[in-house]
C-alpha atoms as a PDB file:
ATOM      1  CA  MET A   1     -14.193 -22.999  60.318  1.00  0.00           C
ATOM      2  CA  MET A   2     -13.467 -23.549  56.662  1.00  0.00           C
ATOM      3  CA  ASP A   3      -9.828 -22.791  55.831  1.00  0.00           C
ATOM      4  CA  VAL A   4      -9.740 -20.382  52.900  1.00  0.00           C
ATOM      5  CA  ARG A   5      -6.013 -19.885  53.407  1.00  0.00           C
ATOM      6  CA  ALA A   6      -5.155 -23.222  51.815  1.00  0.00           C
ATOM      7  CA  GLY A   7      -4.064 -23.219  48.221  1.00  0.00           C
ATOM      8  CA  ASN A   8      -1.067 -23.304  45.989  1.00  0.00           C
ATOM      9  CA  GLU A   9      -1.316 -19.775  44.649  1.00  0.00           C
ATOM     10  CA  PRO A  10       1.861 -17.687  44.567  1.00  0.00           C
ATOM     11  CA  ALA A  11       2.278 -14.984  47.183  1.00  0.00           C
ATOM     12  CA  SER A  12       0.350 -11.891  46.165  1.00  0.00           C
ATOM     13  CA  TRP A  13       1.138  -8.225  46.678  1.00  0.00           C
ATOM     14  CA  ILE A  14      -1.204  -8.409  49.656  1.00  0.00           C
ATOM     15  CA  ASP A  15       1.006 -11.026  51.326  1.00  0.00           C
ATOM     16  CA  GLU A  16       4.032  -8.831  50.665  1.00  0.00           C
ATOM     17  CA  VAL A  17       2.315  -5.787  52.200  1.00  0.00           C
ATOM     18  CA  CYS A  18       1.198  -7.843  55.215  1.00  0.00           C
ATOM     19  CA  GLN A  19       4.794  -8.925  55.846  1.00  0.00           C
ATOM     20  CA  SER A  20       6.226  -5.415  55.485  1.00  0.00           C
ATOM     21  CA  ASP A  21       5.862  -2.310  57.652  1.00  0.00           C
ATOM     22  CA  ILE A  22       4.013  -0.356  54.955  1.00  0.00           C
ATOM     23  CA  ARG A  23       0.988   1.641  56.096  1.00  0.00           C
ATOM     24  CA  LEU A  24      -1.495   2.072  53.243  1.00  0.00           C
ATOM     25  CA  PRO A  25      -4.238   4.676  53.028  1.00  0.00           C
ATOM     26  CA  SER A  26      -7.607   2.924  53.105  1.00  0.00           C
ATOM     27  CA  ARG A  27      -9.616   5.019  50.653  1.00  0.00           C
ATOM     28  CA  PRO A  28      -8.318   3.500  47.339  1.00  0.00           C
ATOM     29  CA  LEU A  29      -8.964  -0.039  48.569  1.00  0.00           C
ATOM     30  CA  LEU A  30     -12.418   0.879  49.872  1.00  0.00           C
ATOM     31  CA  GLU A  31     -13.279   2.300  46.457  1.00  0.00           C
ATOM     32  CA  ARG A  32     -11.944  -0.867  44.763  1.00  0.00           C
ATOM     33  CA  LEU A  33     -14.012  -3.075  47.055  1.00  0.00           C
ATOM     34  CA  GLN A  34     -17.172  -1.077  46.379  1.00  0.00           C
ATOM     35  CA  ALA A  35     -16.503  -1.140  42.617  1.00  0.00           C
ATOM     36  CA  SER A  36     -15.826  -4.910  42.565  1.00  0.00           C
ATOM     37  CA  ASP A  37     -19.514  -5.641  43.137  1.00  0.00           C
ATOM     38  CA  GLY A  38     -18.893  -9.221  44.265  1.00  0.00           C
ATOM     39  CA  GLU A  39     -16.327 -10.071  41.595  1.00  0.00           C
ATOM     40  CA  LEU A  40     -13.641 -11.092  44.102  1.00  0.00           C
ATOM     41  CA  THR A  41     -12.899 -14.762  44.677  1.00  0.00           C
ATOM     42  CA  THR A  42     -13.087 -16.260  48.148  1.00  0.00           C
ATOM     43  CA  GLN A  43      -9.279 -16.325  48.321  1.00  0.00           C
ATOM     44  CA  GLU A  44      -9.009 -12.657  47.267  1.00  0.00           C
ATOM     45  CA  THR A  45     -11.631 -11.693  49.818  1.00  0.00           C
ATOM     46  CA  TYR A  46      -9.785 -13.543  52.589  1.00  0.00           C
ATOM     47  CA  GLN A  47      -6.549 -11.842  51.557  1.00  0.00           C
ATOM     48  CA  LEU A  48      -8.307  -8.482  51.905  1.00  0.00           C
ATOM     49  CA  VAL A  49      -9.498  -9.490  55.393  1.00  0.00           C
ATOM     50  CA  LYS A  50      -5.899 -10.253  56.307  1.00  0.00           C
ATOM     51  CA  LEU A  51      -4.639  -7.025  54.716  1.00  0.00           C
ATOM     52  CA  ALA A  52      -7.234  -4.978  56.602  1.00  0.00           C
ATOM     53  CA  ALA A  53      -6.217  -6.577  59.922  1.00  0.00           C
ATOM     54  CA  HIS A  54      -2.522  -5.853  59.311  1.00  0.00           C
ATOM     55  CA  GLN A  55      -3.185  -2.281  58.218  1.00  0.00           C
ATOM     56  CA  LEU A  56      -5.468  -1.736  61.208  1.00  0.00           C
ATOM     57  CA  GLY A  57      -2.715  -3.059  63.478  1.00  0.00           C
ATOM     58  CA  ARG A  58      -0.111  -0.762  61.930  1.00  0.00           C
ATOM     59  CA  TRP A  59      -2.285   2.360  62.051  1.00  0.00           C
ATOM     60  CA  LEU A  60      -3.442   1.609  65.619  1.00  0.00           C
ATOM     61  CA  ALA A  61       0.171   1.182  66.727  1.00  0.00           C
ATOM     62  CA  GLU A  62       1.007   4.507  65.061  1.00  0.00           C
ATOM     63  CA  TYR A  63      -1.816   6.174  66.984  1.00  0.00           C
ATOM     64  CA  ASP A  64      -1.425   4.301  70.261  1.00  0.00           C
ATOM     65  CA  PHE A  65       2.270   5.074  70.599  1.00  0.00           C
ATOM     66  CA  SER A  66       1.907   8.737  69.662  1.00  0.00           C
ATOM     67  CA  PRO A  67       1.976  11.253  72.546  1.00  0.00           C
ATOM     68  CA  ALA A  68      -1.315  11.535  74.443  1.00  0.00           C
ATOM     69  CA  THR A  69      -0.916  15.323  74.456  1.00  0.00           C
ATOM     70  CA  ALA A  70      -0.715  15.395  70.635  1.00  0.00           C
ATOM     71  CA  PRO A  71      -2.122  12.129  69.270  1.00  0.00           C
ATOM     72  CA  ASP A  72      -1.642  11.285  65.611  1.00  0.00           C
ATOM     73  CA  MET A  73      -5.115  12.108  64.312  1.00  0.00           C
ATOM     74  CA  ASP A  74      -4.292  10.916  60.785  1.00  0.00           C
ATOM     75  CA  ALA A  75      -3.536   7.487  62.255  1.00  0.00           C
ATOM     76  CA  ALA A  76      -6.752   7.632  64.307  1.00  0.00           C
ATOM     77  CA  ARG A  77      -8.792   8.418  61.173  1.00  0.00           C
ATOM     78  CA  GLU A  78      -7.083   5.668  59.156  1.00  0.00           C
ATOM     79  CA  SER A  79      -7.654   3.194  62.002  1.00  0.00           C
ATOM     80  CA  GLY A  80     -11.371   3.939  61.893  1.00  0.00           C
ATOM     81  CA  LEU A  81     -11.464   3.517  58.121  1.00  0.00           C
ATOM     82  CA  TRP A  82      -9.574   0.200  58.326  1.00  0.00           C
ATOM     83  CA  VAL A  83     -12.102  -1.030  60.924  1.00  0.00           C
ATOM     84  CA  TYR A  84     -14.852  -0.197  58.433  1.00  0.00           C
ATOM     85  CA  PHE A  85     -12.901  -1.870  55.593  1.00  0.00           C
ATOM     86  CA  TRP A  86     -12.282  -4.992  57.730  1.00  0.00           C
ATOM     87  CA  ARG A  87     -15.990  -5.269  58.585  1.00  0.00           C
ATOM     88  CA  SER A  88     -16.940  -4.837  54.914  1.00  0.00           C
ATOM     89  CA  VAL A  89     -14.654  -7.587  53.631  1.00  0.00           C
ATOM     90  CA  VAL A  90     -15.591  -9.898  56.517  1.00  0.00           C
ATOM     91  CA  ASP A  91     -19.265  -9.406  55.621  1.00  0.00           C
ATOM     92  CA  ALA A  92     -18.458 -10.234  51.988  1.00  0.00           C
ATOM     93  CA  LEU A  93     -16.450 -13.318  52.999  1.00  0.00           C
ATOM     94  CA  CYS A  94     -19.190 -14.576  55.338  1.00  0.00           C
ATOM     95  CA  ARG A  95     -21.749 -14.191  52.542  1.00  0.00           C
ATOM     96  CA  LYS A  96     -19.528 -16.188  50.170  1.00  0.00           C
ATOM     97  CA  VAL A  97     -18.706 -18.911  52.711  1.00  0.00           C
ATOM     98  CA  PRO A  98     -21.390 -19.155  55.424  1.00  0.00           C
ATOM     99  CA  GLU A  99     -19.331 -21.756  57.334  1.00  0.00           C
ATOM    100  CA  ILE A 100     -16.769 -19.096  58.257  1.00  0.00           C
ATOM    101  CA  GLN A 101     -17.281 -17.808  61.772  1.00  0.00           C
ATOM    102  CA  ARG A 102     -16.972 -14.034  62.236  1.00  0.00           C
ATOM    103  CA  GLN A 103     -15.570 -14.513  65.756  1.00  0.00           C
ATOM    104  CA  ASP A 104     -12.693 -16.608  64.357  1.00  0.00           C
ATOM    105  CA  LEU A 105     -11.789 -13.813  61.965  1.00  0.00           C
ATOM    106  CA  ALA A 106     -12.099 -11.276  64.795  1.00  0.00           C
ATOM    107  CA  ARG A 107      -9.749 -13.315  66.962  1.00  0.00           C
ATOM    108  CA  GLU A 108      -7.236 -13.530  64.125  1.00  0.00           C
ATOM    109  CA  ARG A 109      -7.550  -9.732  63.676  1.00  0.00           C
ATOM    110  CA  ASP A 110      -7.030  -9.119  67.392  1.00  0.00           C
ATOM    111  CA  LEU A 111      -3.887 -11.285  67.412  1.00  0.00           C
ATOM    112  CA  ILE A 112      -2.506  -9.402  64.408  1.00  0.00           C
ATOM    113  CA  ILE A 113      -3.225  -6.068  66.124  1.00  0.00           C
ATOM    114  CA  ALA A 114      -1.501  -7.302  69.285  1.00  0.00           C
ATOM    115  CA  ARG A 115       1.523  -8.424  67.285  1.00  0.00           C
ATOM    116  CA  HIS A 116       1.906  -4.955  65.747  1.00  0.00           C
ATOM    117  CA  ALA A 117       1.572  -3.295  69.159  1.00  0.00           C
ATOM    118  CA  LEU A 118       4.117  -5.665  70.712  1.00  0.00           C
ATOM    119  CA  ARG A 119       6.550  -5.137  67.853  1.00  0.00           C
ATOM    120  CA  THR A 120       6.259  -1.361  68.248  1.00  0.00           C
ATOM    121  CA  ARG A 121       6.732  -1.620  72.008  1.00  0.00           C
ATOM    122  CA  LEU A 122       9.851  -3.730  71.572  1.00  0.00           C
ATOM    123  CA  MET A 123      11.289  -1.223  69.121  1.00  0.00           C
ATOM    124  CA  LEU A 124      10.581   1.652  71.526  1.00  0.00           C
ATOM    125  CA  SER A 125      12.026  -0.154  74.551  1.00  0.00           C
ATOM    126  CA  ASP A 126      15.156  -0.792  72.463  1.00  0.00           C
ATOM    127  CA  ARG A 127      15.120  -4.293  73.937  1.00  0.00           C
ATOM    128  CA  HIS A 128      16.245  -3.151  77.409  1.00  0.00           C
ATOM    129  CA  SER A 129      15.962  -6.253  79.571  1.00  0.00           C
ATOM    130  CA  ALA A 130      14.671  -4.369  82.638  1.00  0.00           C
ATOM    131  CA  VAL A 131      11.784  -2.856  80.669  1.00  0.00           C
ATOM    132  CA  ILE A 132      10.946  -6.199  79.096  1.00  0.00           C
ATOM    133  CA  ALA A 133      11.057  -7.981  82.485  1.00  0.00           C
ATOM    134  CA  TRP A 134       8.746  -5.371  84.073  1.00  0.00           C
ATOM    135  CA  TRP A 135       6.467  -5.539  81.063  1.00  0.00           C
ATOM    136  CA  GLY A 136       6.285  -9.340  81.272  1.00  0.00           C
ATOM    137  CA  GLY A 137       5.565  -9.336  85.011  1.00  0.00           C
ATOM    138  CA  VAL A 138       2.757  -6.789  84.731  1.00  0.00           C
ATOM    139  CA  SER A 139       1.293  -8.651  81.759  1.00  0.00           C
ATOM    140  CA  ARG A 140       1.242 -11.935  83.677  1.00  0.00           C
ATOM    141  CA  PHE A 141      -0.456 -10.249  86.637  1.00  0.00           C
ATOM    142  CA  ALA A 142      -3.014  -8.738  84.227  1.00  0.00           C
ATOM    143  CA  ILE A 143      -3.768 -12.223  82.884  1.00  0.00           C
ATOM    144  CA  VAL A 144      -4.407 -13.472  86.438  1.00  0.00           C
ATOM    145  CA  CYS A 145      -6.681 -10.497  87.138  1.00  0.00           C
ATOM    146  CA  HIS A 146      -8.627 -11.190  83.957  1.00  0.00           C
ATOM    147  CA  GLU A 147      -9.024 -14.880  84.810  1.00  0.00           C
ATOM    148  CA  VAL A 148     -10.501 -14.090  88.250  1.00  0.00           C
ATOM    149  CA  GLY A 149     -12.949 -11.582  86.762  1.00  0.00           C
ATOM    150  CA  LEU A 150     -11.153  -8.291  87.426  1.00  0.00           C
ATOM    151  CA  VAL A 151     -11.435  -7.257  83.783  1.00  0.00           C
ATOM    152  CA  GLN A 152     -11.133  -3.476  84.238  1.00  0.00           C
ATOM    153  CA  ILE A 153      -8.037  -3.856  86.402  1.00  0.00           C
ATOM    154  CA  ALA A 154      -6.584  -6.293  83.864  1.00  0.00           C
ATOM    155  CA  GLN A 155      -7.179  -3.831  81.008  1.00  0.00           C
ATOM    156  CA  ALA A 156      -5.505  -1.025  82.967  1.00  0.00           C
ATOM    157  CA  LEU A 157      -2.525  -3.272  83.703  1.00  0.00           C
ATOM    158  CA  TYR A 158      -2.259  -4.326  80.060  1.00  0.00           C
ATOM    159  CA  GLY A 159      -2.242  -0.647  79.075  1.00  0.00           C
ATOM    160  CA  ALA A 160       0.411   0.188  81.680  1.00  0.00           C
ATOM    161  CA  ALA A 161       2.594  -2.698  80.523  1.00  0.00           C
ATOM    162  CA  LEU A 162       2.249  -2.093  76.796  1.00  0.00           C
ATOM    163  CA  TYR A 163       2.152   1.674  76.372  1.00  0.00           C
ATOM    164  CA  PRO A 164       4.606   4.272  77.683  1.00  0.00           C
ATOM    165  CA  ALA A 165       3.167   6.631  80.294  1.00  0.00           C
ATOM    166  CA  ASN A 166       2.609   9.482  77.837  1.00  0.00           C
ATOM    167  CA  ALA A 167       1.157   7.398  74.987  1.00  0.00           C
ATOM    168  CA  ALA A 168      -2.288   7.868  73.487  1.00  0.00           C
ATOM    169  CA  GLY A 169      -2.928   4.117  73.701  1.00  0.00           C
ATOM    170  CA  ARG A 170      -2.754   4.131  77.475  1.00  0.00           C
ATOM    171  CA  ALA A 171      -5.242   6.997  77.593  1.00  0.00           C
ATOM    172  CA  ARG A 172      -7.554   5.350  75.014  1.00  0.00           C
ATOM    173  CA  GLY A 173      -8.289   2.243  77.051  1.00  0.00           C
ATOM    174  CA  SER A 174      -9.978  -0.844  75.624  1.00  0.00           C
ATOM    175  CA  LEU A 175     -10.098  -1.733  71.933  1.00  0.00           C
ATOM    176  CA  ASP A 176     -13.604  -3.115  72.417  1.00  0.00           C
ATOM    177  CA  ASP A 177     -15.224   0.285  71.775  1.00  0.00           C
ATOM    178  CA  LEU A 178     -13.316   0.759  68.537  1.00  0.00           C
ATOM    179  CA  LEU A 179     -13.602  -2.754  67.159  1.00  0.00           C
ATOM    180  CA  GLY A 180     -17.026  -3.654  68.426  1.00  0.00           C
END
């Protein structure tokens, strides 16, 4: 995969937003992307891919950790829009640089989403060592289940380890349906 991250450019506002906990509405950026009509550089396009992954992670965490009985539907809507935005900028980046592999960008996105979910879980558990130990044990068992082909059991275990019992994320199940 070609590395579009290399360069000596100063940190942009996108990098600052990616490092913060800010959740942005997607609509203004979608309109900007549509209006740009291919005017973005490869670096700017990659930065938008990264921004979309971070915003998707933040909005999904907001939704996933909301109560299952009253899920945050604004966060659900924004998550869907950020998925669309991510796909749009990935398409644009892959057209600009055909050597870039979509699956590499998807893996990077998935790791960013996981990082936001883990960070939210740690904040909610208030770093209680018993919760973290249980969470780690269940996660390890889920990894073993996944490696031996028990994917549905592994996904259920991941959900039980990551999300509190009453969270929308545990009820939602796999991200595969959302992210495609």
